[in-house]
Amino acid sequence: MLTPDSPPRVSILIVSWNTRALLSACIDSVRATLPDGFYELVIVDNASSDGSAAWVRANFPDITLLANAENVGFARANNRGLETSRGEFALLLNSDAQLMPGTVTRLLARLEQNPRAAAAAPMLLNADGSFQAGPNDDLSLVNETLLALGLARFARHGHYPGYDAAAPFGEYAWLGGTCLLMRRAAWEQIGMLDPDYFMYTEEADWCWRARQAGWVLLYEPQAQTIHLGGGSSRQSLAQMRAALYKSKVIFFQKHRPRWQASILRAVLLTSALAKAVMYDTAAQLYRVHAQIWRERAASFRMVVDALRTVAA
């Protein structure tokens, strides 16, 4: 049993926004795969309206619950968890993810073997056990342009600029934040997640800063986690798509030459405008699915509005 005088080895941080059912399965996976006394569990609720916070408070008195008064986004919510955590390591874990046996211990072993490693991440699997995602290349103007034009799907079995299931253990440019084991010494040196990102790209930013400070990032495919995907973002797809596009421009403004940030913003704006027109046209031509096309067109118009708020 953990006490204030016996800090845990790992602090597991789960940010939740209206994902009560998924959160329950996530908590179960933590308890089924890790021994008592090895970890502490911290849940940061981003002002859910589905009763998540009250449910956690009533059913899990041993879990540390941090209930935000408003949805402050993924980065700020995780930072609040990091500030509260007591472990030497902290696992960022999405509420729509489920740990598999050995996931945390394998990641922890890799970090203990390499004191230069700031973080380690597992292979992500779909619910049916098929490969979903691995490590990633750096965000670059070429990569992001290929993604915007829909051409990235033709490389690495559709996972580019990420890597496919054949990617071996090793050092990579950046790791996703769905299940990311971070070393306290690293975030104490370089800082926590950048709150300028509401959602998306904050982990790429953190990984970039870690590498600039001399740390490395490890991918361990023998550690695996099921990721159902979109637990929170599915509830507001248009807003989340807008946040994704905007976050990429913010990253380039922070870490790339100004001309690259300007070009990327122009590419994304042009792409979003073209897709809005395309879906509006489809809504007029194909009445059977007109509502679907109109919703997609509206989501890309929201992307355009979001990108216009970011200075060129």
C-alpha atoms as a PDB file:
ATOM      1  CA  MET A   1       0.000   0.000   0.000  1.00  0.00           C
ATOM      2  CA  LEU A   2       1.334   3.425  -0.958  1.00  0.00           C
ATOM      3  CA  THR A   3       1.861   6.028   1.731  1.00  0.00           C
ATOM      4  CA  PRO A   4       3.043   9.659   1.582  1.00  0.00           C
ATOM      5  CA  ASP A   5       6.474   8.383   2.674  1.00  0.00           C
ATOM      6  CA  SER A   6       6.700   5.671  -0.003  1.00  0.00           C
ATOM      7  CA  PRO A   7       6.467   7.257  -3.460  1.00  0.00           C
ATOM      8  CA  PRO A   8       5.420   4.948  -6.292  1.00  0.00           C
ATOM      9  CA  ARG A   9       7.754   3.836  -9.048  1.00  0.00           C
ATOM     10  CA  VAL A  10       5.352   5.051 -11.718  1.00  0.00           C
ATOM     11  CA  SER A  11       2.587   7.653 -11.714  1.00  0.00           C
ATOM     12  CA  ILE A  12      -0.108   6.824 -14.253  1.00  0.00           C
ATOM     13  CA  LEU A  13      -1.888   9.927 -15.547  1.00  0.00           C
ATOM     14  CA  ILE A  14      -5.198   9.636 -17.378  1.00  0.00           C
ATOM     15  CA  VAL A  15      -6.922  12.693 -18.844  1.00  0.00           C
ATOM     16  CA  SER A  16     -10.632  12.190 -19.466  1.00  0.00           C
ATOM     17  CA  TRP A  17     -13.328  14.232 -21.131  1.00  0.00           C
ATOM     18  CA  ASN A  18     -16.758  12.539 -21.284  1.00  0.00           C
ATOM     19  CA  THR A  19     -15.281   9.048 -21.612  1.00  0.00           C
ATOM     20  CA  ARG A  20     -16.722   7.328 -18.557  1.00  0.00           C
ATOM     21  CA  ALA A  21     -17.248   3.875 -20.125  1.00  0.00           C
ATOM     22  CA  LEU A  22     -13.812   3.887 -21.747  1.00  0.00           C
ATOM     23  CA  LEU A  23     -12.233   5.184 -18.547  1.00  0.00           C
ATOM     24  CA  SER A  24     -13.586   2.210 -16.618  1.00  0.00           C
ATOM     25  CA  ALA A  25     -11.905  -0.255 -19.005  1.00  0.00           C
ATOM     26  CA  CYS A  26      -8.691   1.766 -18.888  1.00  0.00           C
ATOM     27  CA  ILE A  27      -8.572   1.673 -15.088  1.00  0.00           C
ATOM     28  CA  ASP A  28      -9.297  -2.066 -15.135  1.00  0.00           C
ATOM     29  CA  SER A  29      -6.355  -2.639 -17.490  1.00  0.00           C
ATOM     30  CA  VAL A  30      -4.005  -0.742 -15.170  1.00  0.00           C
ATOM     31  CA  ARG A  31      -5.087  -2.758 -12.144  1.00  0.00           C
ATOM     32  CA  ALA A  32      -4.938  -6.044 -14.034  1.00  0.00           C
ATOM     33  CA  THR A  33      -1.387  -5.536 -15.302  1.00  0.00           C
ATOM     34  CA  LEU A  34       0.414  -3.793 -12.432  1.00  0.00           C
ATOM     35  CA  PRO A  35       0.905  -4.814  -8.786  1.00  0.00           C
ATOM     36  CA  ASP A  36      -0.361  -2.730  -5.886  1.00  0.00           C
ATOM     37  CA  GLY A  37       2.278  -0.444  -4.422  1.00  0.00           C
ATOM     38  CA  PHE A  38       4.099  -0.111  -7.747  1.00  0.00           C
ATOM     39  CA  TYR A  39       2.072   2.785  -9.090  1.00  0.00           C
ATOM     40  CA  GLU A  40      -0.271   5.619  -8.259  1.00  0.00           C
ATOM     41  CA  LEU A  41      -3.205   6.492 -10.483  1.00  0.00           C
ATOM     42  CA  VAL A  42      -4.078  10.130 -11.167  1.00  0.00           C
ATOM     43  CA  ILE A  43      -7.145  11.031 -13.217  1.00  0.00           C
ATOM     44  CA  VAL A  44      -7.570  14.553 -14.536  1.00  0.00           C
ATOM     45  CA  ASP A  45     -11.153  15.232 -15.568  1.00  0.00           C
ATOM     46  CA  ASN A  46     -11.554  18.036 -18.092  1.00  0.00           C
ATOM     47  CA  ALA A  47     -14.994  19.236 -16.941  1.00  0.00           C
ATOM     48  CA  SER A  48     -16.871  16.183 -18.231  1.00  0.00           C
ATOM     49  CA  SER A  49     -20.646  16.418 -18.429  1.00  0.00           C
ATOM     50  CA  ASP A  50     -21.213  12.635 -18.229  1.00  0.00           C
ATOM     51  CA  GLY A  51     -20.667  12.309 -14.495  1.00  0.00           C
ATOM     52  CA  SER A  52     -17.148  10.911 -14.860  1.00  0.00           C
ATOM     53  CA  ALA A  53     -15.662  12.851 -11.960  1.00  0.00           C
ATOM     54  CA  ALA A  54     -18.447  11.909  -9.527  1.00  0.00           C
ATOM     55  CA  TRP A  55     -18.235   8.289 -10.662  1.00  0.00           C
ATOM     56  CA  VAL A  56     -14.487   8.133 -10.012  1.00  0.00           C
ATOM     57  CA  ARG A  57     -14.886   9.856  -6.646  1.00  0.00           C
ATOM     58  CA  ALA A  58     -17.603   7.406  -5.559  1.00  0.00           C
ATOM     59  CA  ASN A  59     -16.042   4.181  -6.819  1.00  0.00           C
ATOM     60  CA  PHE A  60     -12.289   4.719  -6.554  1.00  0.00           C
ATOM     61  CA  PRO A  61     -11.394   6.503  -3.314  1.00  0.00           C
ATOM     62  CA  ASP A  62      -7.761   5.425  -3.707  1.00  0.00           C
ATOM     63  CA  ILE A  63      -7.391   7.243  -7.043  1.00  0.00           C
ATOM     64  CA  THR A  64      -6.240  10.848  -7.049  1.00  0.00           C
ATOM     65  CA  LEU A  65      -8.899  12.842  -8.898  1.00  0.00           C
ATOM     66  CA  LEU A  66      -8.163  16.315 -10.245  1.00  0.00           C
ATOM     67  CA  ALA A  67     -11.377  17.852 -11.551  1.00  0.00           C
ATOM     68  CA  ASN A  68     -10.935  20.887 -13.786  1.00  0.00           C
ATOM     69  CA  ALA A  69     -13.655  23.535 -13.852  1.00  0.00           C
ATOM     70  CA  GLU A  70     -13.358  23.730 -17.648  1.00  0.00           C
ATOM     71  CA  ASN A  71     -11.877  21.767 -20.508  1.00  0.00           C
ATOM     72  CA  VAL A  72      -8.317  23.107 -20.520  1.00  0.00           C
ATOM     73  CA  GLY A  73      -7.073  20.760 -23.227  1.00  0.00           C
ATOM     74  CA  PHE A  74      -4.795  17.739 -23.226  1.00  0.00           C
ATOM     75  CA  ALA A  75      -1.474  19.456 -22.536  1.00  0.00           C
ATOM     76  CA  ARG A  76      -2.617  21.574 -19.588  1.00  0.00           C
ATOM     77  CA  ALA A  77      -4.531  18.676 -18.050  1.00  0.00           C
ATOM     78  CA  ASN A  78      -1.536  16.344 -18.250  1.00  0.00           C
ATOM     79  CA  ASN A  79       0.678  19.067 -16.803  1.00  0.00           C
ATOM     80  CA  ARG A  80      -1.600  19.292 -13.795  1.00  0.00           C
ATOM     81  CA  GLY A  81      -1.204  15.548 -13.370  1.00  0.00           C
ATOM     82  CA  LEU A  82       2.586  15.787 -13.699  1.00  0.00           C
ATOM     83  CA  GLU A  83       2.680  18.521 -11.058  1.00  0.00           C
ATOM     84  CA  THR A  84       0.777  16.248  -8.667  1.00  0.00           C
ATOM     85  CA  SER A  85       2.635  13.015  -9.481  1.00  0.00           C
ATOM     86  CA  ARG A  86       5.167  11.501  -7.093  1.00  0.00           C
ATOM     87  CA  GLY A  87       6.747   8.780  -9.211  1.00  0.00           C
ATOM     88  CA  GLU A  88      10.212   8.775 -10.757  1.00  0.00           C
ATOM     89  CA  PHE A  89       8.412   8.039 -14.028  1.00  0.00           C
ATOM     90  CA  ALA A  90       5.005   9.131 -15.312  1.00  0.00           C
ATOM     91  CA  LEU A  91       2.901   7.260 -17.851  1.00  0.00           C
ATOM     92  CA  LEU A  92       0.644   9.444 -19.967  1.00  0.00           C
ATOM     93  CA  LEU A  93      -2.262   7.148 -20.824  1.00  0.00           C
ATOM     94  CA  ASN A  94      -5.302   7.996 -22.922  1.00  0.00           C
ATOM     95  CA  SER A  95      -8.643   7.078 -21.407  1.00  0.00           C
ATOM     96  CA  ASP A  96      -9.471   5.116 -24.589  1.00  0.00           C
ATOM     97  CA  ALA A  97      -6.354   2.957 -24.211  1.00  0.00           C
ATOM     98  CA  GLN A  98      -5.921  -0.372 -22.435  1.00  0.00           C
ATOM     99  CA  LEU A  99      -2.607  -1.671 -21.137  1.00  0.00           C
ATOM    100  CA  MET A 100      -1.590  -5.211 -22.001  1.00  0.00           C
ATOM    101  CA  PRO A 101       0.430  -7.440 -19.653  1.00  0.00           C
ATOM    102  CA  GLY A 102       4.066  -6.362 -19.485  1.00  0.00           C
ATOM    103  CA  THR A 103       3.563  -3.008 -21.223  1.00  0.00           C
ATOM    104  CA  VAL A 104       4.719  -0.751 -18.404  1.00  0.00           C
ATOM    105  CA  THR A 105       7.429  -3.066 -17.082  1.00  0.00           C
ATOM    106  CA  ARG A 106       8.995  -3.429 -20.549  1.00  0.00           C
ATOM    107  CA  LEU A 107       8.991   0.322 -21.104  1.00  0.00           C
ATOM    108  CA  LEU A 108      10.404   0.907 -17.649  1.00  0.00           C
ATOM    109  CA  ALA A 109      13.175  -1.619 -18.262  1.00  0.00           C
ATOM    110  CA  ARG A 110      14.218   0.217 -21.429  1.00  0.00           C
ATOM    111  CA  LEU A 111      14.407   3.540 -19.599  1.00  0.00           C
ATOM    112  CA  GLU A 112      16.392   2.000 -16.760  1.00  0.00           C
ATOM    113  CA  GLN A 113      18.848   0.490 -19.261  1.00  0.00           C
ATOM    114  CA  ASN A 114      19.444   3.853 -20.934  1.00  0.00           C
ATOM    115  CA  PRO A 115      19.804   6.871 -18.627  1.00  0.00           C
ATOM    116  CA  ARG A 116      19.849   9.137 -21.715  1.00  0.00           C
ATOM    117  CA  ALA A 117      16.293   8.129 -22.612  1.00  0.00           C
ATOM    118  CA  ALA A 118      13.669  10.753 -21.798  1.00  0.00           C
ATOM    119  CA  ALA A 119      10.685   8.576 -22.691  1.00  0.00           C
ATOM    120  CA  ALA A 120       9.596   5.261 -24.162  1.00  0.00           C
ATOM    121  CA  ALA A 121       6.440   4.229 -25.997  1.00  0.00           C
ATOM    122  CA  PRO A 122       4.842   0.915 -27.007  1.00  0.00           C
ATOM    123  CA  MET A 123       3.309  -0.325 -30.223  1.00  0.00           C
ATOM    124  CA  LEU A 124      -0.362   0.667 -30.467  1.00  0.00           C
ATOM    125  CA  LEU A 125      -2.886  -1.951 -31.551  1.00  0.00           C
ATOM    126  CA  ASN A 126      -6.481  -1.741 -32.744  1.00  0.00           C
ATOM    127  CA  ALA A 127      -9.210  -3.517 -30.787  1.00  0.00           C
ATOM    128  CA  ASP A 128      -8.850  -6.579 -33.033  1.00  0.00           C
ATOM    129  CA  GLY A 129      -5.137  -6.831 -32.304  1.00  0.00           C
ATOM    130  CA  SER A 130      -3.977  -5.452 -35.641  1.00  0.00           C
ATOM    131  CA  PHE A 131      -1.230  -2.853 -35.848  1.00  0.00           C
ATOM    132  CA  GLN A 132      -2.297   0.771 -35.438  1.00  0.00           C
ATOM    133  CA  ALA A 133       0.730   3.002 -34.876  1.00  0.00           C
ATOM    134  CA  GLY A 134       4.388   3.108 -33.922  1.00  0.00           C
ATOM    135  CA  PRO A 135       7.073   5.819 -33.767  1.00  0.00           C
ATOM    136  CA  ASN A 136       7.318   8.796 -36.075  1.00  0.00           C
ATOM    137  CA  ASP A 137       9.663  10.850 -38.221  1.00  0.00           C
ATOM    138  CA  ASP A 138      10.145  14.528 -37.435  1.00  0.00           C
ATOM    139  CA  LEU A 139       7.443  16.942 -38.524  1.00  0.00           C
ATOM    140  CA  SER A 140       8.814  18.416 -41.743  1.00  0.00           C
ATOM    141  CA  LEU A 141       7.444  20.574 -44.526  1.00  0.00           C
ATOM    142  CA  VAL A 142       7.691  17.661 -46.962  1.00  0.00           C
ATOM    143  CA  ASN A 143       5.910  15.222 -44.631  1.00  0.00           C
ATOM    144  CA  GLU A 144       3.102  17.620 -43.761  1.00  0.00           C
ATOM    145  CA  THR A 145       2.574  18.610 -47.401  1.00  0.00           C
ATOM    146  CA  LEU A 146       2.308  14.952 -48.424  1.00  0.00           C
ATOM    147  CA  LEU A 147      -0.232  14.404 -45.644  1.00  0.00           C
ATOM    148  CA  ALA A 148      -2.284  17.444 -46.677  1.00  0.00           C
ATOM    149  CA  LEU A 149      -2.337  16.286 -50.308  1.00  0.00           C
ATOM    150  CA  GLY A 150      -3.310  12.737 -49.370  1.00  0.00           C
ATOM    151  CA  LEU A 151      -0.084  11.281 -50.790  1.00  0.00           C
ATOM    152  CA  ALA A 152       1.415   9.994 -47.534  1.00  0.00           C
ATOM    153  CA  ARG A 153      -0.908   6.988 -47.661  1.00  0.00           C
ATOM    154  CA  PHE A 154       1.225   5.430 -50.384  1.00  0.00           C
ATOM    155  CA  ALA A 155       4.314   5.047 -48.180  1.00  0.00           C
ATOM    156  CA  ARG A 156       5.051   2.652 -45.310  1.00  0.00           C
ATOM    157  CA  HIS A 157       1.796   0.793 -45.835  1.00  0.00           C
ATOM    158  CA  GLY A 158      -0.195   3.948 -45.198  1.00  0.00           C
ATOM    159  CA  HIS A 159       1.530   4.915 -41.948  1.00  0.00           C
ATOM    160  CA  TYR A 160       4.001   7.518 -43.253  1.00  0.00           C
ATOM    161  CA  PRO A 161       5.451   9.699 -41.740  1.00  0.00           C
ATOM    162  CA  GLY A 162       5.029   7.173 -38.950  1.00  0.00           C
ATOM    163  CA  TYR A 163       6.534   3.701 -39.162  1.00  0.00           C
ATOM    164  CA  ASP A 164       4.723   0.445 -39.824  1.00  0.00           C
ATOM    165  CA  ALA A 165       4.597  -2.767 -37.798  1.00  0.00           C
ATOM    166  CA  ALA A 166       8.093  -3.799 -38.904  1.00  0.00           C
ATOM    167  CA  ALA A 167       9.778  -0.900 -37.061  1.00  0.00           C
ATOM    168  CA  PRO A 168      12.313  -2.359 -34.594  1.00  0.00           C
ATOM    169  CA  PHE A 169      13.233  -1.252 -31.113  1.00  0.00           C
ATOM    170  CA  GLY A 170      15.359   1.869 -31.203  1.00  0.00           C
ATOM    171  CA  GLU A 171      15.630   5.641 -31.111  1.00  0.00           C
ATOM    172  CA  TYR A 172      13.122   7.707 -33.090  1.00  0.00           C
ATOM    173  CA  ALA A 173      12.264  11.371 -33.603  1.00  0.00           C
ATOM    174  CA  TRP A 174       9.021  11.464 -31.654  1.00  0.00           C
ATOM    175  CA  LEU A 175       6.561   9.207 -29.899  1.00  0.00           C
ATOM    176  CA  GLY A 176       2.801   9.534 -29.572  1.00  0.00           C
ATOM    177  CA  GLY A 177       1.229  10.534 -26.275  1.00  0.00           C
ATOM    178  CA  THR A 178      -1.417   7.790 -26.181  1.00  0.00           C
ATOM    179  CA  CYS A 179       0.823   5.707 -23.929  1.00  0.00           C
ATOM    180  CA  LEU A 180       4.092   7.456 -23.150  1.00  0.00           C
ATOM    181  CA  LEU A 181       6.359   6.678 -20.204  1.00  0.00           C
ATOM    182  CA  MET A 182       8.331   9.808 -19.286  1.00  0.00           C
ATOM    183  CA  ARG A 183      11.324  10.233 -16.989  1.00  0.00           C
ATOM    184  CA  ARG A 184      10.912  12.861 -14.262  1.00  0.00           C
ATOM    185  CA  ALA A 185      14.472  14.095 -14.719  1.00  0.00           C
ATOM    186  CA  ALA A 186      13.661  14.881 -18.359  1.00  0.00           C
ATOM    187  CA  TRP A 187      10.517  16.930 -17.791  1.00  0.00           C
ATOM    188  CA  GLU A 188      12.116  18.691 -14.846  1.00  0.00           C
ATOM    189  CA  GLN A 189      14.953  19.756 -17.153  1.00  0.00           C
ATOM    190  CA  ILE A 190      13.080  20.722 -20.343  1.00  0.00           C
ATOM    191  CA  GLY A 191       9.664  21.501 -18.906  1.00  0.00           C
ATOM    192  CA  MET A 192       6.312  19.806 -19.251  1.00  0.00           C
ATOM    193  CA  LEU A 193       3.955  19.820 -22.246  1.00  0.00           C
ATOM    194  CA  ASP A 194       3.575  23.184 -23.965  1.00  0.00           C
ATOM    195  CA  PRO A 195       0.136  24.620 -23.025  1.00  0.00           C
ATOM    196  CA  ASP A 196      -0.010  26.527 -26.327  1.00  0.00           C
ATOM    197  CA  TYR A 197      -1.274  23.249 -27.830  1.00  0.00           C
ATOM    198  CA  PHE A 198      -4.877  22.559 -26.844  1.00  0.00           C
ATOM    199  CA  MET A 199      -4.780  19.070 -28.309  1.00  0.00           C
ATOM    200  CA  TYR A 200      -2.440  17.261 -30.731  1.00  0.00           C
ATOM    201  CA  THR A 201       1.269  17.786 -31.488  1.00  0.00           C
ATOM    202  CA  GLU A 202       2.114  18.602 -27.870  1.00  0.00           C
ATOM    203  CA  GLU A 203       3.990  15.298 -27.570  1.00  0.00           C
ATOM    204  CA  ALA A 204       5.916  15.970 -30.801  1.00  0.00           C
ATOM    205  CA  ASP A 205       6.894  19.353 -29.351  1.00  0.00           C
ATOM    206  CA  TRP A 206       8.007  17.780 -26.058  1.00  0.00           C
ATOM    207  CA  CYS A 207      10.015  15.114 -27.871  1.00  0.00           C
ATOM    208  CA  TRP A 208      11.672  17.783 -30.023  1.00  0.00           C
ATOM    209  CA  ARG A 209      12.709  19.756 -26.950  1.00  0.00           C
ATOM    210  CA  ALA A 210      13.995  16.598 -25.279  1.00  0.00           C
ATOM    211  CA  ARG A 211      16.193  15.755 -28.253  1.00  0.00           C
ATOM    212  CA  GLN A 212      17.506  19.306 -28.455  1.00  0.00           C
ATOM    213  CA  ALA A 213      18.583  18.924 -24.826  1.00  0.00           C
ATOM    214  CA  GLY A 214      20.494  15.718 -25.584  1.00  0.00           C
ATOM    215  CA  TRP A 215      17.913  13.102 -24.604  1.00  0.00           C
ATOM    216  CA  VAL A 216      16.811  10.177 -26.790  1.00  0.00           C
ATOM    217  CA  LEU A 217      13.363   8.631 -27.304  1.00  0.00           C
ATOM    218  CA  LEU A 218      12.808   4.883 -27.386  1.00  0.00           C
ATOM    219  CA  TYR A 219      10.202   2.775 -29.147  1.00  0.00           C
ATOM    220  CA  GLU A 220       9.644  -0.744 -27.781  1.00  0.00           C
ATOM    221  CA  PRO A 221       7.413  -2.885 -30.058  1.00  0.00           C
ATOM    222  CA  GLN A 222       7.448  -5.769 -27.575  1.00  0.00           C
ATOM    223  CA  ALA A 223       5.394  -3.546 -25.283  1.00  0.00           C
ATOM    224  CA  GLN A 224       1.892  -3.164 -26.671  1.00  0.00           C
ATOM    225  CA  THR A 225      -1.239  -1.181 -25.841  1.00  0.00           C
ATOM    226  CA  ILE A 226      -4.726  -1.343 -27.298  1.00  0.00           C
ATOM    227  CA  HIS A 227      -5.965   2.043 -28.469  1.00  0.00           C
ATOM    228  CA  LEU A 228      -9.633   2.267 -29.358  1.00  0.00           C
ATOM    229  CA  GLY A 229      -9.093   5.763 -30.744  1.00  0.00           C
ATOM    230  CA  GLY A 230     -10.977   9.032 -30.616  1.00  0.00           C
ATOM    231  CA  GLY A 231     -12.559   8.582 -27.203  1.00  0.00           C
ATOM    232  CA  SER A 232     -12.769  12.308 -26.611  1.00  0.00           C
ATOM    233  CA  SER A 233     -12.124  13.679 -30.088  1.00  0.00           C
ATOM    234  CA  ARG A 234     -14.899  11.589 -31.659  1.00  0.00           C
ATOM    235  CA  GLN A 235     -17.389  13.666 -29.699  1.00  0.00           C
ATOM    236  CA  SER A 236     -16.334  16.823 -31.505  1.00  0.00           C
ATOM    237  CA  LEU A 237     -14.619  15.791 -34.730  1.00  0.00           C
ATOM    238  CA  ALA A 238     -14.787  19.161 -36.451  1.00  0.00           C
ATOM    239  CA  GLN A 239     -13.250  21.027 -33.515  1.00  0.00           C
ATOM    240  CA  MET A 240     -10.545  18.399 -33.096  1.00  0.00           C
ATOM    241  CA  ARG A 241      -9.639  18.469 -36.795  1.00  0.00           C
ATOM    242  CA  ALA A 242      -9.288  22.237 -36.538  1.00  0.00           C
ATOM    243  CA  ALA A 243      -7.103  21.834 -33.438  1.00  0.00           C
ATOM    244  CA  LEU A 244      -4.882  19.324 -35.272  1.00  0.00           C
ATOM    245  CA  TYR A 245      -4.238  21.595 -38.260  1.00  0.00           C
ATOM    246  CA  LYS A 246      -3.650  24.607 -36.028  1.00  0.00           C
ATOM    247  CA  SER A 247      -1.257  22.716 -33.761  1.00  0.00           C
ATOM    248  CA  LYS A 248       0.991  21.807 -36.677  1.00  0.00           C
ATOM    249  CA  VAL A 249       1.384  25.435 -37.674  1.00  0.00           C
ATOM    250  CA  ILE A 250       2.158  26.337 -34.055  1.00  0.00           C
ATOM    251  CA  PHE A 251       4.871  23.668 -33.988  1.00  0.00           C
ATOM    252  CA  PHE A 252       6.477  25.071 -37.138  1.00  0.00           C
ATOM    253  CA  GLN A 253       6.324  28.599 -35.768  1.00  0.00           C
ATOM    254  CA  LYS A 254       8.178  27.438 -32.653  1.00  0.00           C
ATOM    255  CA  HIS A 255      10.741  25.076 -34.143  1.00  0.00           C
ATOM    256  CA  ARG A 256      11.136  25.742 -37.867  1.00  0.00           C
ATOM    257  CA  PRO A 257      12.247  28.754 -39.951  1.00  0.00           C
ATOM    258  CA  ARG A 258       9.523  31.359 -40.366  1.00  0.00           C
ATOM    259  CA  TRP A 259       9.271  30.754 -44.112  1.00  0.00           C
ATOM    260  CA  GLN A 260       8.484  27.084 -43.523  1.00  0.00           C
ATOM    261  CA  ALA A 261       5.705  27.960 -41.077  1.00  0.00           C
ATOM    262  CA  SER A 262       4.228  30.380 -43.632  1.00  0.00           C
ATOM    263  CA  ILE A 263       4.348  27.813 -46.419  1.00  0.00           C
ATOM    264  CA  LEU A 264       2.790  25.110 -44.242  1.00  0.00           C
ATOM    265  CA  ARG A 265      -0.032  27.438 -43.196  1.00  0.00           C
ATOM    266  CA  ALA A 266      -0.693  28.260 -46.877  1.00  0.00           C
ATOM    267  CA  VAL A 267      -0.656  24.559 -47.840  1.00  0.00           C
ATOM    268  CA  LEU A 268      -3.061  23.610 -45.062  1.00  0.00           C
ATOM    269  CA  LEU A 269      -5.372  26.544 -45.817  1.00  0.00           C
ATOM    270  CA  THR A 270      -5.475  25.670 -49.512  1.00  0.00           C
ATOM    271  CA  SER A 271      -6.069  21.998 -48.756  1.00  0.00           C
ATOM    272  CA  ALA A 272      -8.881  22.726 -46.284  1.00  0.00           C
ATOM    273  CA  LEU A 273     -10.567  25.179 -48.658  1.00  0.00           C
ATOM    274  CA  ALA A 274     -10.385  22.667 -51.510  1.00  0.00           C
ATOM    275  CA  LYS A 275     -11.869  19.911 -49.357  1.00  0.00           C
ATOM    276  CA  ALA A 276     -14.695  22.182 -48.180  1.00  0.00           C
ATOM    277  CA  VAL A 277     -15.585  22.979 -51.798  1.00  0.00           C
ATOM    278  CA  MET A 278     -15.295  19.320 -52.792  1.00  0.00           C
ATOM    279  CA  TYR A 279     -17.653  18.138 -50.050  1.00  0.00           C
ATOM    280  CA  ASP A 280     -20.130  20.954 -50.706  1.00  0.00           C
ATOM    281  CA  THR A 281     -20.189  19.867 -54.348  1.00  0.00           C
ATOM    282  CA  ALA A 282     -20.666  16.232 -53.351  1.00  0.00           C
ATOM    283  CA  ALA A 283     -23.629  17.242 -51.159  1.00  0.00           C
ATOM    284  CA  GLN A 284     -25.299  18.814 -54.184  1.00  0.00           C
ATOM    285  CA  LEU A 285     -24.588  15.916 -56.531  1.00  0.00           C
ATOM    286  CA  TYR A 286     -25.248  12.952 -54.255  1.00  0.00           C
ATOM    287  CA  ARG A 287     -28.399  13.621 -52.289  1.00  0.00           C
ATOM    288  CA  VAL A 288     -28.435  10.231 -50.567  1.00  0.00           C
ATOM    289  CA  HIS A 289     -25.451  11.138 -48.395  1.00  0.00           C
ATOM    290  CA  ALA A 290     -25.860  14.902 -48.593  1.00  0.00           C
ATOM    291  CA  GLN A 291     -25.892  15.417 -44.820  1.00  0.00           C
ATOM    292  CA  ILE A 292     -22.591  13.580 -44.396  1.00  0.00           C
ATOM    293  CA  TRP A 293     -20.938  15.674 -47.116  1.00  0.00           C
ATOM    294  CA  ARG A 294     -22.297  18.904 -45.654  1.00  0.00           C
ATOM    295  CA  GLU A 295     -20.904  18.022 -42.226  1.00  0.00           C
ATOM    296  CA  ARG A 296     -17.494  17.300 -43.698  1.00  0.00           C
ATOM    297  CA  ALA A 297     -17.532  20.551 -45.631  1.00  0.00           C
ATOM    298  CA  ALA A 298     -18.428  22.422 -42.446  1.00  0.00           C
ATOM    299  CA  SER A 299     -15.569  20.747 -40.556  1.00  0.00           C
ATOM    300  CA  PHE A 300     -13.020  21.944 -43.119  1.00  0.00           C
ATOM    301  CA  ARG A 301     -14.464  25.451 -43.048  1.00  0.00           C
ATOM    302  CA  MET A 302     -13.835  25.312 -39.300  1.00  0.00           C
ATOM    303  CA  VAL A 303     -10.231  24.325 -40.077  1.00  0.00           C
ATOM    304  CA  VAL A 304      -9.925  27.381 -42.303  1.00  0.00           C
ATOM    305  CA  ASP A 305     -11.243  29.621 -39.513  1.00  0.00           C
ATOM    306  CA  ALA A 306      -8.778  28.078 -37.029  1.00  0.00           C
ATOM    307  CA  LEU A 307      -5.803  28.545 -39.347  1.00  0.00           C
ATOM    308  CA  ARG A 308      -6.740  32.177 -39.929  1.00  0.00           C
ATOM    309  CA  THR A 309      -6.317  32.799 -36.192  1.00  0.00           C
ATOM    310  CA  VAL A 310      -2.668  31.760 -36.440  1.00  0.00           C
ATOM    311  CA  ALA A 311      -0.422  34.593 -37.601  1.00  0.00           C
ATOM    312  CA  ALA A 312       1.213  34.023 -40.983  1.00  0.00           C
END
